[in-house]
Every structure is written in C-alpha cells, then in structure tokens.
Amino acid sequence: MANNDVQMASSDFNLEKLSTKELGAHLKASISIGENVAIFGRRGSGKTEIAKQQIKSSGNREIYLNLAVLERVDMGGYPNIMGARTKEKFVEFLLPSFYEYMVDGDQDVVALLDEVDKADPSLWAPLLEFTQFRSINGHKLPRLKSIIMTGNLISEGGSRPSLPLLDRAEKYLISADATSWL
C-alpha cells in the first residue's frame, strides 16, 4: 500500500512527454488546426515562452490571461443590472474587454491561459464552456481559434485542473532540455 502511495504522488496522469523542441512543433500544428492544448511542466521550463513564440509566428493575436489572479466574473462577465432588460426576468452579462477581439476582432485569436493549475474552482465552468464551445455565457466567440493552457507540476505546488477541462485538450508534459531550448 505504501508503495502505491508513492507512485500516486509522482503520477504524471499519463500525459504525453515532449521535449521543448517537440513542444514548439506540436503547438505550431495545433494552432494551425484550431486545437486546445494543455502543457504541464516544471517552473521555468519554457511552457509559456514557447507558447508565446508559436502564437506570434502563427500570425494570430495573443490574449494572455493569468488564471491565478482571475475570479469567475473576470472570465464569465458581470451581470448588467442597469441594462435595458432589468424590468424583464432575464439578465444580460457585460463581458470583459479582452473578449472584444474574439467577437469583433480583425484577426484570429489564440488565448494563452497561464497558471491553469492555480485557477480558482469557480473558473472551471466558464473555462469549460470557453474551451468546448468557444463561447462564454452562450455568447459565441467566432475569432477564438485556439486555446493554450499552461500549468506547473503538483510536486511544485500546482493543483490538478478540472478533468473535464483537460479532456477538451491535447495534454503534454514538457521535459526541459537545455540544449534544445538554447
């Protein structure tokens, strides 16, 4: 039993292992076909920087969101209590300004969701809609092409993100390789 506990503490959740060089190639392909990607690895291994480089080289607009500092309303919007429909029985939501590029922008967007392992559980429902349906509160995001999520290892203080959220993405464990990175 004790042996099993040690194995579970070091589990990589069967993520596909990639070098930093391989990750760049996978991200390039995933962005081009509009896939969602989740990347996990040690702090400082280059997850976010590699993602930023691939988004830039793809010609898409990058929208960076640090999920460690967001709350549900930052992702899902604020109820518009002063709006035209307040006398009715329905509530509309005012969306944060970063959604403007995903709705009315002039180029496709890749959302870089950093620190997904530190996201408050209240974000999981809006993130699930965001990744699965490319919408928020039922509002379609037609310019949202791809989503990249990054996170740290549990052994470094991270938490396992929502499994249904991870089920909507390719999942990789980055193996830092200084030679490839340099």
Protein backbone atom coordinates (compact mmCIF):
# COMPACT_ATOMS: atom_id res chain seq x y z
CA MET A 1 0.00 0.00 0.00
CA ALA A 2 2.78 2.43 0.89
CA ASN A 3 4.45 1.72 -2.44
CA ASN A 4 1.23 2.65 -4.27
CA ASP A 5 1.02 5.97 -2.38
CA VAL A 6 4.50 6.94 -3.57
CA GLN A 7 3.57 6.07 -7.14
CA MET A 8 0.39 8.19 -6.98
CA ALA A 9 2.26 11.19 -5.56
CA SER A 10 4.58 11.23 -8.56
CA SER A 11 1.96 10.45 -11.22
CA ASP A 12 2.13 12.34 -14.50
CA PHE A 13 -1.54 11.50 -15.28
CA ASN A 14 -0.42 9.74 -18.47
CA LEU A 15 0.46 12.97 -20.23
CA GLU A 16 2.45 12.64 -23.44
CA LYS A 17 6.04 13.65 -22.74
CA LEU A 18 7.66 16.13 -25.11
CA SER A 19 10.96 17.98 -25.24
CA THR A 20 10.91 21.75 -25.57
CA LYS A 21 11.78 21.38 -29.27
CA GLU A 22 8.95 18.90 -29.85
CA LEU A 23 6.53 21.14 -27.97
CA GLY A 24 7.19 24.02 -30.35
CA ALA A 25 6.36 21.83 -33.36
CA HIS A 26 3.22 20.43 -31.71
CA LEU A 27 1.98 23.90 -30.77
CA LYS A 28 2.55 25.19 -34.30
CA ALA A 29 0.43 22.37 -35.73
CA SER A 30 -2.24 22.62 -33.03
CA ILE A 31 -2.67 26.36 -33.50
CA SER A 32 -2.95 25.97 -37.28
CA ILE A 33 -5.84 23.49 -36.94
CA GLY A 34 -7.52 25.27 -34.01
CA GLU A 35 -6.93 22.74 -31.23
CA ASN A 36 -6.82 23.22 -27.47
CA VAL A 37 -3.55 22.31 -25.77
CA ALA A 38 -2.65 21.88 -22.08
CA ILE A 39 1.05 21.94 -21.18
CA PHE A 40 2.41 20.99 -17.78
CA GLY A 41 5.96 21.02 -16.53
CA ARG A 42 8.47 22.36 -14.06
CA ARG A 43 8.60 26.07 -13.32
CA GLY A 44 10.94 27.84 -15.72
CA SER A 45 10.88 25.06 -18.31
CA GLY A 46 9.67 27.39 -21.07
CA LYS A 47 6.00 26.45 -21.36
CA THR A 48 4.65 29.98 -21.59
CA GLU A 49 7.54 31.38 -23.63
CA ILE A 50 7.35 28.60 -26.23
CA ALA A 51 3.59 29.14 -26.49
CA LYS A 52 4.06 32.91 -26.93
CA GLN A 53 6.66 32.33 -29.67
CA GLN A 54 4.40 29.95 -31.57
CA ILE A 55 1.38 32.27 -31.30
CA LYS A 56 3.46 35.16 -32.62
CA SER A 57 4.84 33.12 -35.53
CA SER A 58 1.32 31.93 -36.41
CA GLY A 59 0.17 35.48 -37.13
CA ASN A 60 -2.71 35.26 -34.66
CA ARG A 61 -3.43 37.74 -31.89
CA GLU A 62 -2.40 36.56 -28.43
CA ILE A 63 -4.73 37.12 -25.49
CA TYR A 64 -2.81 36.31 -22.29
CA LEU A 65 -4.77 35.56 -19.12
CA ASN A 66 -3.13 34.63 -15.83
CA LEU A 67 -5.77 32.37 -14.30
CA ALA A 68 -4.15 32.53 -10.86
CA VAL A 69 -5.45 36.09 -10.41
CA LEU A 70 -8.88 35.82 -12.06
CA GLU A 71 -12.28 35.32 -10.47
CA ARG A 72 -15.42 33.94 -12.11
CA VAL A 73 -16.69 37.38 -13.17
CA ASP A 74 -13.33 38.15 -14.79
CA MET A 75 -13.92 35.22 -17.13
CA GLY A 76 -17.71 34.99 -17.33
CA GLY A 77 -18.69 38.64 -17.18
CA TYR A 78 -20.66 40.88 -14.87
CA PRO A 79 -24.45 40.96 -14.64
CA ASN A 80 -25.73 44.09 -16.37
CA ILE A 81 -28.17 45.24 -13.69
CA MET A 82 -28.58 48.67 -15.30
CA GLY A 83 -29.29 47.35 -18.79
CA ALA A 84 -32.44 47.63 -20.86
CA ARG A 85 -33.74 44.23 -19.75
CA THR A 86 -33.74 44.88 -15.99
CA LYS A 87 -37.55 45.06 -15.84
CA GLU A 88 -37.76 41.68 -17.52
CA LYS A 89 -36.94 38.36 -15.94
CA PHE A 90 -33.64 37.90 -17.80
CA VAL A 91 -30.16 39.17 -17.03
CA GLU A 92 -27.54 40.02 -19.63
CA PHE A 93 -23.81 39.91 -18.94
CA LEU A 94 -21.19 42.55 -19.71
CA LEU A 95 -18.08 40.80 -20.91
CA PRO A 96 -14.52 41.86 -20.07
CA SER A 97 -12.83 43.88 -22.81
CA PHE A 98 -10.46 41.10 -23.90
CA TYR A 99 -13.47 39.31 -25.44
CA GLU A 100 -13.86 42.16 -27.93
CA TYR A 101 -11.03 40.71 -30.03
CA MET A 102 -12.70 37.29 -30.00
CA VAL A 103 -16.07 38.66 -31.09
CA ASP A 104 -15.36 41.63 -33.38
CA GLY A 105 -11.61 41.46 -34.00
CA ASP A 106 -9.98 41.62 -37.40
CA GLN A 107 -7.75 38.56 -36.85
CA ASP A 108 -8.00 35.18 -35.19
CA VAL A 109 -7.11 34.90 -31.51
CA VAL A 110 -5.15 32.33 -29.55
CA ALA A 111 -5.94 32.50 -25.84
CA LEU A 112 -2.97 31.72 -23.61
CA LEU A 113 -4.36 30.66 -20.23
CA ASP A 114 -1.36 30.66 -17.91
CA GLU A 115 -1.29 29.04 -14.46
CA VAL A 116 -4.31 26.80 -15.12
CA ASP A 117 -3.14 24.72 -12.15
CA LYS A 118 -3.76 27.68 -9.86
CA ALA A 119 -7.19 28.69 -11.23
CA ASP A 120 -9.94 29.08 -8.66
CA PRO A 121 -12.52 26.27 -9.00
CA SER A 122 -15.19 28.93 -9.67
CA LEU A 123 -13.49 29.41 -13.07
CA TRP A 124 -13.89 25.79 -14.14
CA ALA A 125 -17.45 26.13 -15.50
CA PRO A 126 -16.77 29.22 -17.66
CA LEU A 127 -13.46 27.69 -18.79
CA LEU A 128 -15.23 24.51 -19.81
CA GLU A 129 -17.68 26.47 -21.99
CA PHE A 130 -14.80 28.59 -23.33
CA THR A 131 -12.74 25.55 -24.37
CA GLN A 132 -15.53 23.24 -25.51
CA PHE A 133 -17.91 25.59 -27.32
CA ARG A 134 -15.76 28.70 -27.99
CA SER A 135 -18.38 30.78 -26.20
CA ILE A 136 -18.96 32.47 -22.86
CA ASN A 137 -22.41 32.69 -21.24
CA GLY A 138 -23.80 31.42 -24.54
CA HIS A 139 -22.17 34.27 -26.50
CA LYS A 140 -20.20 32.86 -29.44
CA LEU A 141 -16.54 33.84 -29.85
CA PRO A 142 -16.05 33.47 -33.62
CA ARG A 143 -12.44 34.77 -33.70
CA LEU A 144 -11.20 32.39 -30.97
CA LYS A 145 -9.11 29.93 -32.95
CA SER A 146 -7.11 28.02 -30.36
CA ILE A 147 -6.55 27.81 -26.60
CA ILE A 148 -3.27 27.00 -24.89
CA MET A 149 -3.26 26.29 -21.16
CA THR A 150 -0.06 26.07 -19.10
CA GLY A 151 0.49 24.80 -15.59
CA ASN A 152 3.07 23.60 -13.13
CA LEU A 153 3.57 20.20 -11.56
CA ILE A 154 1.74 19.13 -8.42
CA SER A 155 5.12 18.46 -6.80
CA GLU A 156 5.90 22.18 -7.22
CA GLY A 157 2.72 23.42 -5.57
CA GLY A 158 0.33 23.20 -8.52
CA SER A 159 -3.08 21.57 -8.37
CA ARG A 160 -4.70 19.24 -10.84
CA PRO A 161 -7.09 21.23 -13.03
CA SER A 162 -10.63 20.08 -13.68
CA LEU A 163 -10.54 16.75 -15.53
CA PRO A 164 -13.44 17.68 -17.85
CA LEU A 165 -11.45 20.80 -18.81
CA LEU A 166 -8.37 18.71 -19.56
CA ASP A 167 -10.49 16.27 -21.59
CA ARG A 168 -11.07 19.11 -24.09
CA ALA A 169 -7.36 19.49 -24.86
CA GLU A 170 -4.26 17.73 -26.06
CA LYS A 171 -2.20 17.22 -22.89
CA TYR A 172 1.59 17.32 -22.71
CA LEU A 173 4.26 17.06 -20.05
CA ILE A 174 7.25 19.14 -21.08
CA SER A 175 10.66 17.70 -20.41
CA ALA A 176 13.05 20.62 -20.24
CA ASP A 177 16.08 20.14 -22.43
CA ALA A 178 18.56 22.99 -22.12
CA THR A 179 20.33 22.14 -25.38
CA SER A 180 17.11 22.30 -27.43
CA TRP A 181 15.89 25.37 -25.56
CA LEU A 182 19.10 27.30 -26.21
